[in-house]
Amino acid sequence: MKGELLKRFFRAIASSDQEAIDKLTYLVIEEERSKGHTLLADQLENITKKKPKDQAPDLIKPVSSLANATQTTGENLQGLSELPTSKRFNLPLVTTIPRDKLRHYMVLPEKIEKRFQRIEREYAARDRLAHHGLRYRQKILLYGPPGCGKTLGAERLAWNTGLPLLKVRFDAMVSSFLGETASNLRLVFEDAAKNPCLLFLDECDSIAKTREDSQEVGEIKRVVNTFLQILDEYQPSSGLMVAATNLNKSLDTALWRRFDDVIAVPKPGEKELEFILRETLSAIEVGSINWPRIIEQMKDFSAAQAVRVAQDAAKRAILEREGLVIQEHLEEAIAEIKVS
């Protein structure tokens, strides 16, 4: 914003001249739009529409970083509207995950880590990309075996972008009444498109199964059709949509091209397994461990199972008052997981 315009804006606020405030607000929005900051301009315009006419605009406090700025904006905008609910039973269709509950530390192979970082970098530079007619990656699909870190990946993206995380509740969304599931689904996406957030669809295969399955009823196929149409139309307001599934082979083939990025989240390799164990045990003393032998016994373990091995071994060491984790603790924890 130019200095002279900024001074006029503050004079109008100080004198409570609502007519001047409205005119200057319009000028600010148009100036940002002319600079190519279309997303910011749209957000500012939405804010003015939601503010009562007799109320002067609040001064915005400066924030120290892009992530904090996005988080502040996301939380404020999210508070302006109620979460969507099912029309028939008035059940919440999404759950808000508080920021202090988000897990954001992941151990990934280098290639996969770079792909997550690319999503985060594009989000941070979304206005610059828009200025050149480019769109940041908005719709992400994560797939892989159970426990490999798909949910953790969504939480990590929410943390690093500063977006509030809204998790879709399929137990409330899916209905036995004709057309109601599709209606609930559209309601969720329409609400998420209004305010910056990360919309997370865990186990998305429940609404995206292949339409070629002859055992599926017509209603499920209609839901899939609606989901595909929504993905085509979805234009989030500075947000992200992340879907996750274990059953990627069951997804409708038309679904894949609707996403801006599709990432296979693999099980950890030997290097990642050892790193996860050591990091999880970093708060407790560890004795002499034959790490190659331990890692060999954990072949095909998921990241979640590796964390559980370390945590169970730490609990044994504490309960047995031995003061440190030893080889036996880890091997017993591994054996228990294999049996279960």
Protein backbone atom coordinates (compact mmCIF):
# COMPACT_ATOMS: atom_id res chain seq x y z
CA MET A 1 0.00 0.00 0.00
CA LYS A 2 1.36 3.44 -0.97
CA GLY A 3 2.31 5.80 1.86
CA GLU A 4 -0.18 8.55 0.97
CA LEU A 5 -3.06 6.07 0.74
CA LEU A 6 -2.03 4.56 4.06
CA LYS A 7 -2.10 7.99 5.76
CA ARG A 8 -5.53 8.76 4.32
CA PHE A 9 -6.76 5.40 5.59
CA PHE A 10 -5.57 6.09 9.14
CA ARG A 11 -7.04 9.61 9.12
CA ALA A 12 -10.42 8.16 8.11
CA ILE A 13 -10.24 5.59 10.92
CA ALA A 14 -9.24 8.24 13.48
CA SER A 15 -12.15 10.48 12.50
CA SER A 16 -14.60 7.54 12.22
CA ASP A 17 -15.49 8.68 8.68
CA GLN A 18 -17.21 5.49 7.51
CA GLU A 19 -17.81 6.78 3.97
CA ALA A 20 -14.12 7.57 3.52
CA ILE A 21 -13.16 4.21 5.05
CA ASP A 22 -15.37 2.37 2.55
CA LYS A 23 -13.88 4.25 -0.41
CA LEU A 24 -10.30 3.73 0.78
CA THR A 25 -10.95 0.05 1.45
CA TYR A 26 -12.08 -0.30 -2.15
CA LEU A 27 -8.93 1.46 -3.37
CA VAL A 28 -6.70 -0.83 -1.30
CA ILE A 29 -8.39 -3.94 -2.68
CA GLU A 30 -8.10 -2.72 -6.26
CA GLU A 31 -4.44 -1.77 -5.78
CA GLU A 32 -3.60 -5.26 -4.50
CA ARG A 33 -5.52 -6.82 -7.39
CA SER A 34 -3.63 -4.66 -9.92
CA LYS A 35 -0.35 -5.96 -8.45
CA GLY A 36 -1.45 -9.53 -9.15
CA HIS A 37 -2.24 -10.29 -5.50
CA THR A 38 -5.63 -11.69 -6.45
CA LEU A 39 -5.96 -14.09 -3.53
CA LEU A 40 -5.20 -11.35 -1.02
CA ALA A 41 -7.62 -8.98 -2.78
CA ASP A 42 -10.40 -11.58 -2.68
CA GLN A 43 -9.78 -12.24 1.02
CA LEU A 44 -9.88 -8.51 1.85
CA GLU A 45 -13.09 -8.14 -0.14
CA ASN A 46 -14.67 -11.08 1.75
CA ILE A 47 -13.70 -9.50 5.07
CA THR A 48 -15.40 -6.21 4.15
CA LYS A 49 -18.58 -8.05 3.16
CA LYS A 50 -18.75 -9.81 6.53
CA LYS A 51 -18.14 -6.66 8.64
CA PRO A 52 -21.22 -4.68 9.74
CA LYS A 53 -21.51 -1.33 7.94
CA ASP A 54 -21.48 0.69 11.16
CA GLN A 55 -18.28 -0.91 12.41
CA ALA A 56 -14.88 0.51 11.51
CA PRO A 57 -12.23 -1.99 10.36
CA ASP A 58 -9.86 -3.32 13.01
CA LEU A 59 -6.19 -2.51 12.73
CA ILE A 60 -4.24 -5.62 11.84
CA LYS A 61 -1.37 -6.43 14.15
CA PRO A 62 1.95 -7.25 12.48
CA VAL A 63 3.05 -10.88 12.55
CA SER A 64 6.56 -12.22 12.51
CA SER A 65 6.37 -14.85 9.79
CA LEU A 66 4.35 -16.12 6.87
CA ALA A 67 3.23 -19.20 8.78
CA ASN A 68 2.05 -17.12 11.72
CA ALA A 69 0.29 -14.70 9.41
CA THR A 70 -1.52 -17.51 7.64
CA GLN A 71 -2.42 -19.15 10.94
CA THR A 72 -3.83 -15.88 12.32
CA THR A 73 -5.87 -15.25 9.18
CA GLY A 74 -7.08 -18.85 9.07
CA GLU A 75 -8.20 -18.87 12.70
CA ASN A 76 -9.98 -15.51 12.39
CA LEU A 77 -11.80 -16.44 9.21
CA GLN A 78 -12.70 -19.86 10.55
CA GLY A 79 -14.32 -18.22 13.56
CA LEU A 80 -16.62 -16.16 11.32
CA SER A 81 -18.70 -19.13 10.25
CA GLU A 82 -20.03 -22.22 11.98
CA LEU A 83 -18.75 -25.63 10.97
CA PRO A 84 -21.00 -27.42 8.47
CA THR A 85 -23.56 -29.90 9.85
CA SER A 86 -25.67 -32.61 8.24
CA LYS A 87 -29.08 -31.33 7.22
CA ARG A 88 -31.14 -34.19 8.63
CA PHE A 89 -29.49 -34.89 11.99
CA ASN A 90 -27.51 -31.65 12.51
CA LEU A 91 -24.30 -33.60 13.18
CA PRO A 92 -20.94 -31.86 12.60
CA LEU A 93 -19.48 -32.98 9.27
CA VAL A 94 -15.92 -31.95 10.15
CA THR A 95 -13.72 -31.92 13.23
CA THR A 96 -11.24 -29.13 13.93
CA ILE A 97 -7.81 -30.36 15.05
CA PRO A 98 -6.20 -27.76 17.41
CA ARG A 99 -2.77 -26.56 16.34
CA ASP A 100 -1.14 -27.73 19.57
CA LYS A 101 -2.33 -31.27 18.78
CA LEU A 102 -0.76 -31.37 15.32
CA ARG A 103 2.17 -33.75 14.85
CA HIS A 104 4.58 -32.30 12.34
CA TYR A 105 7.88 -34.18 12.54
CA MET A 106 8.27 -36.78 9.80
CA VAL A 107 11.08 -39.12 8.79
CA LEU A 108 10.85 -39.63 5.04
CA PRO A 109 13.11 -40.72 2.20
CA GLU A 110 14.79 -37.71 0.62
CA LYS A 111 12.72 -37.80 -2.60
CA ILE A 112 9.41 -37.84 -0.71
CA GLU A 113 10.58 -35.15 1.71
CA LYS A 114 11.37 -32.86 -1.23
CA ARG A 115 7.85 -33.33 -2.62
CA PHE A 116 6.29 -32.29 0.69
CA GLN A 117 8.63 -29.29 0.84
CA ARG A 118 7.61 -28.32 -2.70
CA ILE A 119 3.95 -28.15 -1.66
CA GLU A 120 4.86 -25.97 1.32
CA ARG A 121 7.09 -23.68 -0.74
CA GLU A 122 4.44 -23.20 -3.41
CA TYR A 123 1.87 -22.36 -0.76
CA ALA A 124 4.19 -19.76 0.75
CA ALA A 125 4.72 -18.22 -2.71
CA ARG A 126 1.10 -18.51 -3.87
CA ASP A 127 0.69 -14.77 -4.51
CA ARG A 128 3.87 -14.57 -6.58
CA LEU A 129 2.77 -17.61 -8.58
CA ALA A 130 -0.67 -16.07 -9.15
CA HIS A 131 0.99 -12.89 -10.45
CA HIS A 132 2.46 -15.02 -13.25
CA GLY A 133 -0.80 -16.86 -13.90
CA LEU A 134 0.30 -19.99 -12.03
CA ARG A 135 -1.58 -21.86 -9.31
CA TYR A 136 0.02 -23.52 -6.31
CA ARG A 137 -0.66 -27.20 -5.61
CA GLN A 138 -4.04 -27.19 -3.86
CA LYS A 139 -5.35 -30.76 -4.06
CA ILE A 140 -3.07 -33.51 -2.74
CA LEU A 141 -3.59 -37.28 -2.60
CA LEU A 142 -1.48 -39.37 -0.20
CA TYR A 143 -1.58 -43.15 -0.48
CA GLY A 144 0.32 -46.05 1.03
CA PRO A 145 0.07 -48.91 3.54
CA PRO A 146 -1.41 -48.38 7.04
CA GLY A 147 0.88 -46.63 9.50
CA CYS A 148 3.20 -45.14 6.89
CA GLY A 149 2.42 -41.52 7.83
CA LYS A 150 -0.43 -40.27 5.62
CA THR A 151 -2.34 -38.62 8.47
CA LEU A 152 0.93 -37.32 9.85
CA GLY A 153 1.66 -35.87 6.40
CA ALA A 154 -1.61 -33.91 6.44
CA GLU A 155 -0.88 -32.62 9.94
CA ARG A 156 2.65 -31.65 8.90
CA LEU A 157 1.31 -29.65 5.93
CA ALA A 158 -1.20 -27.89 8.19
CA TRP A 159 1.54 -27.04 10.69
CA ASN A 160 4.04 -25.74 8.14
CA THR A 161 1.48 -23.65 6.24
CA GLY A 162 -0.23 -22.36 9.39
CA LEU A 163 -3.64 -23.53 8.16
CA PRO A 164 -6.32 -24.82 10.55
CA LEU A 165 -6.93 -28.53 9.93
CA LEU A 166 -10.52 -29.67 9.35
CA LYS A 167 -10.97 -33.45 9.26
CA VAL A 168 -14.05 -34.78 7.48
CA ARG A 169 -16.26 -37.06 9.58
CA PHE A 170 -17.46 -39.74 7.19
CA ASP A 171 -19.56 -41.32 9.95
CA ALA A 172 -21.74 -38.20 9.88
CA MET A 173 -21.45 -37.53 6.15
CA VAL A 174 -22.47 -40.92 4.77
CA SER A 175 -26.24 -41.38 4.92
CA SER A 176 -28.64 -44.14 3.92
CA PHE A 177 -31.07 -41.56 2.52
CA LEU A 178 -31.01 -41.06 -1.24
CA GLY A 179 -28.85 -38.11 -2.28
CA GLU A 180 -28.00 -37.02 1.24
CA THR A 181 -24.36 -38.17 1.22
CA ALA A 182 -23.64 -36.18 -1.92
CA SER A 183 -25.44 -33.16 -0.44
CA ASN A 184 -23.37 -33.36 2.77
CA LEU A 185 -20.17 -33.70 0.74
CA ARG A 186 -20.93 -30.61 -1.31
CA LEU A 187 -21.77 -28.67 1.86
CA VAL A 188 -18.36 -29.47 3.37
CA PHE A 189 -16.46 -28.34 0.28
CA GLU A 190 -18.51 -25.16 -0.12
CA ASP A 191 -17.77 -24.20 3.48
CA ALA A 192 -14.05 -25.05 3.19
CA ALA A 193 -13.73 -22.95 0.02
CA LYS A 194 -14.85 -19.81 1.88
CA ASN A 195 -12.07 -19.69 4.48
CA PRO A 196 -8.39 -20.71 4.39
CA CYS A 197 -8.01 -24.20 5.90
CA LEU A 198 -6.56 -27.62 5.20
CA LEU A 199 -9.50 -29.94 4.50
CA PHE A 200 -8.45 -33.53 5.28
CA LEU A 201 -10.33 -36.51 3.85
CA ASP A 202 -8.88 -39.58 5.59
CA GLU A 203 -9.88 -42.98 4.12
CA CYS A 204 -11.30 -41.16 1.10
CA ASP A 205 -11.90 -44.49 -0.65
CA SER A 206 -15.27 -44.60 1.15
CA ILE A 207 -16.56 -41.96 -1.31
CA ALA A 208 -14.22 -42.62 -4.24
CA LYS A 209 -14.49 -46.34 -5.03
CA THR A 210 -14.31 -47.38 -8.62
CA ARG A 211 -17.63 -47.15 -10.46
CA GLU A 212 -16.76 -50.30 -12.40
CA ASP A 213 -17.44 -52.50 -9.35
CA SER A 214 -20.67 -54.35 -10.17
CA GLN A 215 -21.32 -55.02 -6.48
CA GLU A 216 -21.63 -51.34 -5.63
CA VAL A 217 -25.15 -49.87 -5.55
CA GLY A 218 -26.19 -46.92 -7.69
CA GLU A 219 -26.12 -44.48 -4.79
CA ILE A 220 -22.39 -45.03 -4.23
CA LYS A 221 -21.72 -44.37 -7.91
CA ARG A 222 -23.69 -41.13 -7.69
CA VAL A 223 -21.58 -40.08 -4.70
CA VAL A 224 -18.39 -40.76 -6.68
CA ASN A 225 -19.73 -38.70 -9.60
CA THR A 226 -20.49 -35.83 -7.21
CA PHE A 227 -17.03 -36.08 -5.64
CA LEU A 228 -15.37 -35.89 -9.07
CA GLN A 229 -17.44 -32.84 -10.01
CA ILE A 230 -16.62 -31.13 -6.71
CA LEU A 231 -12.89 -31.72 -7.21
CA ASP A 232 -13.12 -30.15 -10.67
CA GLU A 233 -14.93 -27.08 -9.31
CA TYR A 234 -13.09 -26.72 -6.00
CA GLN A 235 -11.18 -23.44 -5.71
CA PRO A 236 -10.11 -23.05 -2.07
CA SER A 237 -9.56 -19.59 -0.62
CA SER A 238 -5.82 -19.84 0.10
CA GLY A 239 -6.26 -23.36 1.45
CA LEU A 240 -5.36 -26.97 0.76
CA MET A 241 -7.29 -30.20 0.35
CA VAL A 242 -5.53 -33.45 1.32
CA ALA A 243 -7.05 -36.89 0.75
CA ALA A 244 -5.54 -40.13 2.04
CA THR A 245 -6.18 -43.82 1.43
CA ASN A 246 -4.73 -47.27 2.03
CA LEU A 247 -6.78 -48.74 -0.83
CA ASN A 248 -5.38 -46.89 -3.82
CA LYS A 249 -6.22 -49.82 -6.12
CA SER A 250 -9.89 -49.44 -5.23
CA LEU A 251 -10.07 -45.77 -6.23
CA ASP A 252 -11.91 -44.73 -9.36
CA THR A 253 -9.45 -44.22 -12.21
CA ALA A 254 -10.91 -40.78 -13.01
CA LEU A 255 -9.97 -39.57 -9.52
CA TRP A 256 -6.20 -39.50 -9.96
CA ARG A 257 -6.01 -36.71 -12.54
CA ARG A 258 -8.18 -34.45 -10.36
CA PHE A 259 -5.29 -33.97 -7.93
CA ASP A 260 -2.42 -31.54 -8.36
CA ASP A 261 -0.01 -33.93 -6.69
CA VAL A 262 -0.19 -37.64 -5.86
CA ILE A 263 2.38 -38.90 -3.35
CA ALA A 264 3.03 -42.51 -2.40
CA VAL A 265 4.10 -42.46 1.26
CA PRO A 266 6.28 -45.56 1.66
CA LYS A 267 7.18 -47.67 4.65
CA PRO A 268 10.50 -46.59 6.18
CA GLY A 269 13.71 -48.22 5.01
CA GLU A 270 16.49 -49.45 7.26
CA LYS A 271 18.00 -45.97 7.62
CA GLU A 272 14.64 -44.39 8.48
CA LEU A 273 13.73 -47.17 10.95
CA GLU A 274 16.93 -46.70 12.95
CA PHE A 275 16.47 -42.92 12.93
CA ILE A 276 12.88 -43.24 14.20
CA LEU A 277 13.97 -45.58 17.01
CA ARG A 278 16.83 -43.35 18.11
CA GLU A 279 14.71 -40.19 18.00
CA THR A 280 11.84 -41.77 19.94
CA LEU A 281 14.28 -43.02 22.59
CA SER A 282 16.17 -39.71 22.80
CA ALA A 283 14.53 -38.77 26.13
CA ILE A 284 15.77 -41.92 27.92
CA GLU A 285 19.19 -43.48 28.37
CA VAL A 286 19.99 -46.28 25.93
CA GLY A 287 22.48 -49.06 26.56
CA SER A 288 24.59 -51.01 24.08
CA ILE A 289 22.28 -51.93 21.18
CA ASN A 290 23.04 -54.09 18.16
CA TRP A 291 21.17 -51.80 15.76
CA PRO A 292 21.67 -53.89 12.58
CA ARG A 293 20.13 -56.89 14.34
CA ILE A 294 17.21 -54.84 15.64
CA ILE A 295 16.54 -53.32 12.21
CA GLU A 296 16.74 -56.75 10.58
CA GLN A 297 14.00 -58.00 12.93
CA MET A 298 11.83 -54.99 11.99
CA LYS A 299 11.73 -55.71 8.26
CA ASP A 300 8.50 -54.34 6.67
CA PHE A 301 7.54 -52.44 9.85
CA SER A 302 5.65 -49.20 9.35
CA ALA A 303 6.72 -45.89 10.89
CA ALA A 304 3.90 -46.18 13.43
CA GLN A 305 5.09 -49.67 14.43
CA ALA A 306 8.67 -48.41 14.81
CA VAL A 307 7.50 -45.66 17.17
CA ARG A 308 5.51 -48.22 19.15
CA VAL A 309 8.56 -50.50 19.47
CA ALA A 310 10.63 -47.66 20.91
CA GLN A 311 7.86 -46.50 23.25
CA ASP A 312 7.16 -50.03 24.55
CA ALA A 313 10.87 -50.60 25.15
CA ALA A 314 11.13 -47.32 27.06
CA LYS A 315 8.13 -48.26 29.21
CA ARG A 316 9.73 -51.60 30.06
CA ALA A 317 12.96 -49.90 31.09
CA ILE A 318 11.08 -47.46 33.33
CA LEU A 319 8.79 -50.05 34.93
CA GLU A 320 11.62 -52.50 35.57
CA ARG A 321 13.71 -49.68 37.06
CA GLU A 322 16.71 -50.64 34.98
CA GLY A 323 17.41 -47.02 34.12
CA LEU A 324 18.18 -47.62 30.46
CA VAL A 325 16.79 -49.35 27.37
CA ILE A 326 18.64 -52.54 26.47
CA GLN A 327 18.60 -54.96 23.54
CA GLU A 328 16.15 -57.28 25.29
CA HIS A 329 13.54 -54.52 25.71
CA LEU A 330 13.54 -53.76 22.01
CA GLU A 331 13.44 -57.40 20.93
CA GLU A 332 10.50 -58.15 23.25
CA ALA A 333 8.60 -55.17 21.88
CA ILE A 334 9.28 -56.29 18.29
CA ALA A 335 8.12 -59.84 19.05
CA GLU A 336 4.85 -58.59 20.55
CA ILE A 337 4.03 -56.50 17.49
CA LYS A 338 4.76 -59.42 15.16
CA VAL A 339 2.38 -61.64 17.13
CA SER A 340 -0.37 -59.04 17.16
